[in-house]
Amino acid sequence: MLPTENRLRRREDFATAVRRGRRAGRPLLVVHLRSGSPDPHAPGESAPPTCAGFVVSKAVGGAVVRNQVKRRLRHLIRERLATLPPGSLVVVRALPGAGDAAYEQLAQDLDAALQRLLGGGAR
């Protein structure tokens, strides 16, 4: 389970990540990343936590399949939170093929998308 402080819940946060962040598409999912930009001169302020949210539409499958995909993505993101800049907003949007994909395929696509967004991968 993803800790409460690391969950995106508000519509405005989702909109910020999707509209103002960078995007990397893969065959099974699309990842939107809005890097955190805490003010380094703010006195005594600690960096806000990295937050993640998920969008899994009915095109992925029925309710059981959608919830399974969300659980898998939450678990995958939880393992990768430490690699993301503090204060970042991440939105992972599952594409229709994600419902039939294995856990390892989702992990591979998520890693490739995050690597590209964090500057480590080529297009």
N, C-alpha and C. Protein backbone atom coordinates (compact mmCIF):
# COMPACT_ATOMS: atom_id res chain seq x y z
N MET A 1 0.85 -1.19 0.00
CA MET A 1 0.00 0.00 0.00
C MET A 1 0.89 1.24 0.00
N LEU A 2 0.46 2.23 -0.71
CA LEU A 2 1.17 3.50 -0.79
C LEU A 2 0.85 4.34 0.45
N PRO A 3 1.86 4.85 1.15
CA PRO A 3 1.59 5.66 2.35
C PRO A 3 0.71 6.87 2.03
N THR A 4 -0.08 7.28 3.00
CA THR A 4 -1.05 8.37 2.82
C THR A 4 -0.38 9.66 2.33
N GLU A 5 0.78 9.99 2.88
CA GLU A 5 1.43 11.24 2.50
C GLU A 5 1.97 11.22 1.07
N ASN A 6 2.01 10.04 0.46
CA ASN A 6 2.52 9.91 -0.91
C ASN A 6 1.42 9.73 -1.95
N ARG A 7 0.17 9.95 -1.57
CA ARG A 7 -0.95 9.77 -2.50
C ARG A 7 -1.43 11.10 -3.05
N LEU A 8 -1.67 11.11 -4.35
CA LEU A 8 -2.33 12.26 -4.97
C LEU A 8 -3.83 12.06 -4.81
N ARG A 9 -4.51 13.05 -4.28
CA ARG A 9 -5.94 12.91 -4.05
C ARG A 9 -6.76 14.02 -4.69
N ARG A 10 -6.20 15.21 -4.75
CA ARG A 10 -6.97 16.36 -5.24
C ARG A 10 -6.89 16.47 -6.76
N ARG A 11 -8.00 16.90 -7.33
CA ARG A 11 -8.09 17.09 -8.78
C ARG A 11 -7.04 18.09 -9.27
N GLU A 12 -6.79 19.13 -8.49
CA GLU A 12 -5.82 20.16 -8.88
C GLU A 12 -4.41 19.58 -9.00
N ASP A 13 -4.06 18.63 -8.10
CA ASP A 13 -2.74 18.02 -8.15
C ASP A 13 -2.59 17.15 -9.40
N PHE A 14 -3.64 16.40 -9.72
CA PHE A 14 -3.61 15.60 -10.95
C PHE A 14 -3.46 16.51 -12.16
N ALA A 15 -4.24 17.60 -12.19
CA ALA A 15 -4.20 18.53 -13.32
C ALA A 15 -2.82 19.17 -13.46
N THR A 16 -2.22 19.54 -12.34
CA THR A 16 -0.89 20.14 -12.37
C THR A 16 0.13 19.17 -12.96
N ALA A 17 0.10 17.94 -12.51
CA ALA A 17 1.07 16.95 -13.00
C ALA A 17 0.88 16.68 -14.49
N VAL A 18 -0.38 16.59 -14.93
CA VAL A 18 -0.64 16.25 -16.33
C VAL A 18 -0.39 17.44 -17.25
N ARG A 19 -0.82 18.62 -16.85
CA ARG A 19 -0.71 19.80 -17.73
C ARG A 19 0.67 20.45 -17.71
N ARG A 20 1.30 20.49 -16.57
CA ARG A 20 2.58 21.22 -16.45
C ARG A 20 3.79 20.32 -16.35
N GLY A 21 3.57 19.02 -16.24
CA GLY A 21 4.69 18.09 -16.11
C GLY A 21 5.16 17.56 -17.44
N ARG A 22 6.20 16.76 -17.37
CA ARG A 22 6.72 16.08 -18.57
C ARG A 22 6.02 14.75 -18.71
N ARG A 23 5.99 14.21 -19.92
CA ARG A 23 5.26 12.98 -20.19
C ARG A 23 6.16 11.98 -20.93
N ALA A 24 6.03 10.72 -20.55
CA ALA A 24 6.72 9.65 -21.26
C ALA A 24 5.72 8.53 -21.49
N GLY A 25 5.54 8.18 -22.75
CA GLY A 25 4.59 7.13 -23.10
C GLY A 25 5.29 5.82 -23.38
N ARG A 26 4.65 4.74 -22.97
CA ARG A 26 5.12 3.39 -23.22
C ARG A 26 3.92 2.59 -23.74
N PRO A 27 4.13 1.37 -24.23
CA PRO A 27 2.99 0.61 -24.76
C PRO A 27 1.87 0.34 -23.75
N LEU A 28 2.19 0.21 -22.47
CA LEU A 28 1.18 -0.15 -21.48
C LEU A 28 0.72 1.01 -20.61
N LEU A 29 1.53 2.07 -20.55
CA LEU A 29 1.17 3.18 -19.67
C LEU A 29 1.84 4.48 -20.09
N VAL A 30 1.30 5.57 -19.57
CA VAL A 30 1.86 6.89 -19.78
C VAL A 30 2.15 7.47 -18.39
N VAL A 31 3.35 8.01 -18.22
CA VAL A 31 3.73 8.58 -16.93
C VAL A 31 3.91 10.08 -17.10
N HIS A 32 3.26 10.86 -16.23
CA HIS A 32 3.40 12.31 -16.17
C HIS A 32 4.17 12.64 -14.91
N LEU A 33 5.21 13.46 -15.03
CA LEU A 33 6.03 13.82 -13.88
C LEU A 33 6.19 15.33 -13.80
N ARG A 34 5.78 15.89 -12.70
CA ARG A 34 6.00 17.30 -12.41
C ARG A 34 7.04 17.33 -11.30
N SER A 35 8.27 17.71 -11.64
CA SER A 35 9.34 17.71 -10.65
C SER A 35 9.08 18.76 -9.58
N GLY A 36 9.42 18.40 -8.36
CA GLY A 36 9.26 19.32 -7.25
C GLY A 36 10.28 20.42 -7.34
N SER A 37 9.86 21.62 -6.98
CA SER A 37 10.80 22.75 -7.00
C SER A 37 10.67 23.51 -5.69
N PRO A 38 11.10 22.89 -4.58
CA PRO A 38 11.03 23.60 -3.31
C PRO A 38 12.00 24.77 -3.31
N ASP A 39 11.62 25.81 -2.61
CA ASP A 39 12.46 27.00 -2.51
C ASP A 39 13.63 26.70 -1.58
N PRO A 40 14.87 26.71 -2.11
CA PRO A 40 16.02 26.38 -1.26
C PRO A 40 16.30 27.43 -0.19
N HIS A 41 15.71 28.61 -0.33
CA HIS A 41 15.96 29.69 0.62
C HIS A 41 14.87 29.81 1.68
N ALA A 42 13.88 28.92 1.63
CA ALA A 42 12.80 28.97 2.62
C ALA A 42 13.35 28.51 3.96
N PRO A 43 13.16 29.32 5.01
CA PRO A 43 13.74 28.98 6.31
C PRO A 43 13.00 27.82 6.97
N GLY A 44 13.76 26.79 7.34
CA GLY A 44 13.22 25.68 8.10
C GLY A 44 12.20 24.82 7.39
N GLU A 45 12.02 25.01 6.13
CA GLU A 45 11.04 24.22 5.39
C GLU A 45 11.70 22.94 4.88
N SER A 46 11.02 21.84 5.09
CA SER A 46 11.52 20.59 4.52
C SER A 46 10.79 20.34 3.20
N ALA A 47 11.41 19.56 2.36
CA ALA A 47 10.83 19.30 1.05
C ALA A 47 9.55 18.48 1.21
N PRO A 48 8.51 18.83 0.46
CA PRO A 48 7.28 18.05 0.53
C PRO A 48 7.52 16.64 -0.03
N PRO A 49 6.72 15.67 0.38
CA PRO A 49 6.93 14.31 -0.11
C PRO A 49 6.54 14.18 -1.58
N THR A 50 7.11 13.19 -2.22
CA THR A 50 6.72 12.84 -3.59
C THR A 50 5.34 12.18 -3.53
N CYS A 51 4.45 12.60 -4.43
CA CYS A 51 3.09 12.06 -4.44
C CYS A 51 2.81 11.40 -5.78
N ALA A 52 2.03 10.31 -5.73
CA ALA A 52 1.69 9.58 -6.94
C ALA A 52 0.19 9.33 -7.01
N GLY A 53 -0.33 9.37 -8.23
CA GLY A 53 -1.73 9.08 -8.47
C GLY A 53 -1.86 8.21 -9.71
N PHE A 54 -3.01 7.58 -9.85
CA PHE A 54 -3.20 6.62 -10.92
C PHE A 54 -4.52 6.85 -11.63
N VAL A 55 -4.51 6.68 -12.95
CA VAL A 55 -5.71 6.81 -13.76
C VAL A 55 -5.85 5.50 -14.54
N VAL A 56 -6.92 4.77 -14.24
CA VAL A 56 -7.17 3.50 -14.91
C VAL A 56 -8.62 3.54 -15.39
N SER A 57 -8.81 3.72 -16.69
CA SER A 57 -10.16 3.90 -17.24
C SER A 57 -10.83 2.55 -17.52
N LYS A 58 -12.09 2.62 -17.89
CA LYS A 58 -12.85 1.42 -18.21
C LYS A 58 -12.33 0.73 -19.47
N ALA A 59 -11.54 1.42 -20.27
CA ALA A 59 -10.96 0.80 -21.46
C ALA A 59 -9.97 -0.30 -21.08
N VAL A 60 -9.44 -0.25 -19.85
CA VAL A 60 -8.48 -1.26 -19.39
C VAL A 60 -9.20 -2.58 -19.13
N GLY A 61 -10.44 -2.52 -18.65
CA GLY A 61 -11.19 -3.74 -18.36
C GLY A 61 -12.28 -3.47 -17.35
N GLY A 62 -12.86 -4.54 -16.85
CA GLY A 62 -13.90 -4.42 -15.85
C GLY A 62 -13.34 -3.97 -14.51
N ALA A 63 -14.20 -3.87 -13.52
CA ALA A 63 -13.80 -3.36 -12.21
C ALA A 63 -12.69 -4.19 -11.57
N VAL A 64 -12.79 -5.50 -11.67
CA VAL A 64 -11.79 -6.37 -11.07
C VAL A 64 -10.43 -6.16 -11.72
N VAL A 65 -10.40 -6.07 -13.03
CA VAL A 65 -9.15 -5.88 -13.77
C VAL A 65 -8.57 -4.50 -13.46
N ARG A 66 -9.41 -3.47 -13.45
CA ARG A 66 -8.92 -2.11 -13.15
C ARG A 66 -8.31 -2.05 -11.75
N ASN A 67 -8.97 -2.63 -10.78
CA ASN A 67 -8.43 -2.61 -9.42
C ASN A 67 -7.13 -3.40 -9.32
N GLN A 68 -7.03 -4.49 -10.05
CA GLN A 68 -5.79 -5.27 -10.06
C GLN A 68 -4.65 -4.45 -10.64
N VAL A 69 -4.92 -3.74 -11.73
CA VAL A 69 -3.89 -2.89 -12.35
C VAL A 69 -3.48 -1.78 -11.38
N LYS A 70 -4.45 -1.15 -10.72
CA LYS A 70 -4.12 -0.09 -9.75
C LYS A 70 -3.27 -0.63 -8.61
N ARG A 71 -3.60 -1.80 -8.09
CA ARG A 71 -2.81 -2.37 -7.00
C ARG A 71 -1.38 -2.65 -7.45
N ARG A 72 -1.24 -3.19 -8.65
CA ARG A 72 0.10 -3.47 -9.17
C ARG A 72 0.91 -2.18 -9.34
N LEU A 73 0.28 -1.15 -9.91
CA LEU A 73 0.98 0.12 -10.13
C LEU A 73 1.35 0.79 -8.81
N ARG A 74 0.45 0.73 -7.82
CA ARG A 74 0.77 1.30 -6.51
C ARG A 74 1.98 0.63 -5.89
N HIS A 75 2.03 -0.68 -6.00
CA HIS A 75 3.17 -1.42 -5.46
C HIS A 75 4.46 -1.07 -6.19
N LEU A 76 4.39 -0.96 -7.50
CA LEU A 76 5.58 -0.62 -8.29
C LEU A 76 6.08 0.78 -7.97
N ILE A 77 5.17 1.74 -7.85
CA ILE A 77 5.57 3.13 -7.57
C ILE A 77 6.15 3.24 -6.16
N ARG A 78 5.56 2.52 -5.21
CA ARG A 78 6.06 2.58 -3.83
C ARG A 78 7.53 2.21 -3.77
N GLU A 79 7.93 1.21 -4.56
CA GLU A 79 9.33 0.78 -4.57
C GLU A 79 10.26 1.81 -5.22
N ARG A 80 9.69 2.72 -6.01
CA ARG A 80 10.51 3.67 -6.78
C ARG A 80 10.42 5.11 -6.27
N LEU A 81 9.69 5.36 -5.20
CA LEU A 81 9.53 6.72 -4.69
C LEU A 81 10.86 7.38 -4.32
N ALA A 82 11.78 6.61 -3.80
CA ALA A 82 13.07 7.16 -3.36
C ALA A 82 13.89 7.68 -4.54
N THR A 83 13.64 7.19 -5.74
CA THR A 83 14.43 7.62 -6.90
C THR A 83 13.91 8.93 -7.50
N LEU A 84 12.73 9.37 -7.07
CA LEU A 84 12.13 10.59 -7.63
C LEU A 84 12.51 11.80 -6.79
N PRO A 85 12.61 12.98 -7.42
CA PRO A 85 12.96 14.19 -6.67
C PRO A 85 11.90 14.51 -5.62
N PRO A 86 12.32 15.02 -4.45
CA PRO A 86 11.36 15.38 -3.41
C PRO A 86 10.36 16.42 -3.91
N GLY A 87 9.11 16.26 -3.54
CA GLY A 87 8.08 17.20 -3.94
C GLY A 87 7.50 16.97 -5.32
N SER A 88 7.91 15.90 -5.99
CA SER A 88 7.41 15.60 -7.33
C SER A 88 5.98 15.10 -7.29
N LEU A 89 5.28 15.35 -8.39
CA LEU A 89 3.94 14.80 -8.58
C LEU A 89 4.02 13.83 -9.75
N VAL A 90 3.56 12.60 -9.56
CA VAL A 90 3.60 11.57 -10.59
C VAL A 90 2.19 11.07 -10.83
N VAL A 91 1.79 11.04 -12.10
CA VAL A 91 0.51 10.44 -12.47
C VAL A 91 0.81 9.34 -13.47
N VAL A 92 0.35 8.12 -13.15
CA VAL A 92 0.53 6.99 -14.04
C VAL A 92 -0.83 6.66 -14.65
N ARG A 93 -0.92 6.75 -15.96
CA ARG A 93 -2.17 6.45 -16.67
C ARG A 93 -2.01 5.13 -17.40
N ALA A 94 -2.84 4.16 -17.03
CA ALA A 94 -2.78 2.84 -17.65
C ALA A 94 -3.50 2.87 -18.99
N LEU A 95 -2.90 2.26 -20.00
CA LEU A 95 -3.50 2.14 -21.31
C LEU A 95 -4.23 0.80 -21.42
N PRO A 96 -5.10 0.63 -22.42
CA PRO A 96 -5.91 -0.59 -22.48
C PRO A 96 -5.15 -1.91 -22.38
N GLY A 97 -3.95 -1.99 -22.88
CA GLY A 97 -3.18 -3.24 -22.80
C GLY A 97 -2.71 -3.61 -21.41
N ALA A 98 -2.77 -2.69 -20.46
CA ALA A 98 -2.27 -2.94 -19.11
C ALA A 98 -3.07 -4.01 -18.39
N GLY A 99 -4.33 -4.17 -18.74
CA GLY A 99 -5.16 -5.17 -18.09
C GLY A 99 -4.72 -6.59 -18.36
N ASP A 100 -4.14 -6.83 -19.51
CA ASP A 100 -3.69 -8.17 -19.89
C ASP A 100 -2.20 -8.39 -19.63
N ALA A 101 -1.50 -7.35 -19.19
CA ALA A 101 -0.05 -7.42 -19.04
C ALA A 101 0.35 -8.09 -17.73
N ALA A 102 1.50 -8.73 -17.76
CA ALA A 102 2.06 -9.33 -16.55
C ALA A 102 2.70 -8.23 -15.69
N TYR A 103 2.88 -8.55 -14.43
CA TYR A 103 3.48 -7.61 -13.47
C TYR A 103 4.86 -7.15 -13.98
N GLU A 104 5.64 -8.08 -14.51
CA GLU A 104 7.00 -7.75 -14.97
C GLU A 104 6.97 -6.78 -16.15
N GLN A 105 5.96 -6.92 -17.03
CA GLN A 105 5.83 -6.01 -18.17
C GLN A 105 5.49 -4.60 -17.68
N LEU A 106 4.59 -4.50 -16.71
CA LEU A 106 4.25 -3.19 -16.15
C LEU A 106 5.49 -2.56 -15.51
N ALA A 107 6.24 -3.38 -14.77
CA ALA A 107 7.45 -2.88 -14.11
C ALA A 107 8.46 -2.37 -15.13
N GLN A 108 8.61 -3.11 -16.21
CA GLN A 108 9.57 -2.73 -17.25
C GLN A 108 9.17 -1.41 -17.91
N ASP A 109 7.89 -1.26 -18.25
CA ASP A 109 7.42 -0.03 -18.86
C ASP A 109 7.52 1.15 -17.91
N LEU A 110 7.19 0.94 -16.64
CA LEU A 110 7.28 2.02 -15.66
C LEU A 110 8.73 2.46 -15.48
N ASP A 111 9.64 1.50 -15.37
CA ASP A 111 11.06 1.84 -15.23
C ASP A 111 11.58 2.61 -16.43
N ALA A 112 11.20 2.18 -17.63
CA ALA A 112 11.67 2.86 -18.84
C ALA A 112 11.13 4.29 -18.92
N ALA A 113 9.86 4.47 -18.55
CA ALA A 113 9.26 5.81 -18.59
C ALA A 113 9.91 6.72 -17.55
N LEU A 114 10.11 6.21 -16.34
CA LEU A 114 10.73 7.04 -15.30
C LEU A 114 12.18 7.39 -15.65
N GLN A 115 12.89 6.42 -16.22
CA GLN A 115 14.28 6.68 -16.62
C GLN A 115 14.32 7.80 -17.67
N ARG A 116 13.40 7.76 -18.60
CA ARG A 116 13.36 8.79 -19.65
C ARG A 116 13.03 10.16 -19.04
N LEU A 117 12.07 10.19 -18.11
CA LEU A 117 11.67 11.46 -17.50
C LEU A 117 12.75 12.04 -16.60
N LEU A 118 13.52 11.19 -15.98
CA LEU A 118 14.57 11.66 -15.07
C LEU A 118 15.87 11.95 -15.81
N GLY A 119 15.84 11.86 -17.13
CA GLY A 119 17.00 12.27 -17.92
C GLY A 119 17.99 11.19 -18.23
N GLY A 120 17.70 9.94 -17.88
CA GLY A 120 18.66 8.88 -18.12
C GLY A 120 18.48 8.10 -19.38
N GLY A 121 17.38 8.31 -20.10
CA GLY A 121 17.13 7.49 -21.26
C GLY A 121 16.95 8.26 -22.54
N ALA A 122 17.23 7.61 -23.65
CA ALA A 122 17.03 8.24 -24.95
C ALA A 122 15.58 8.05 -25.39
N ARG A 123 15.18 8.81 -26.37
CA ARG A 123 13.81 8.70 -26.88
C ARG A 123 13.59 7.44 -27.63
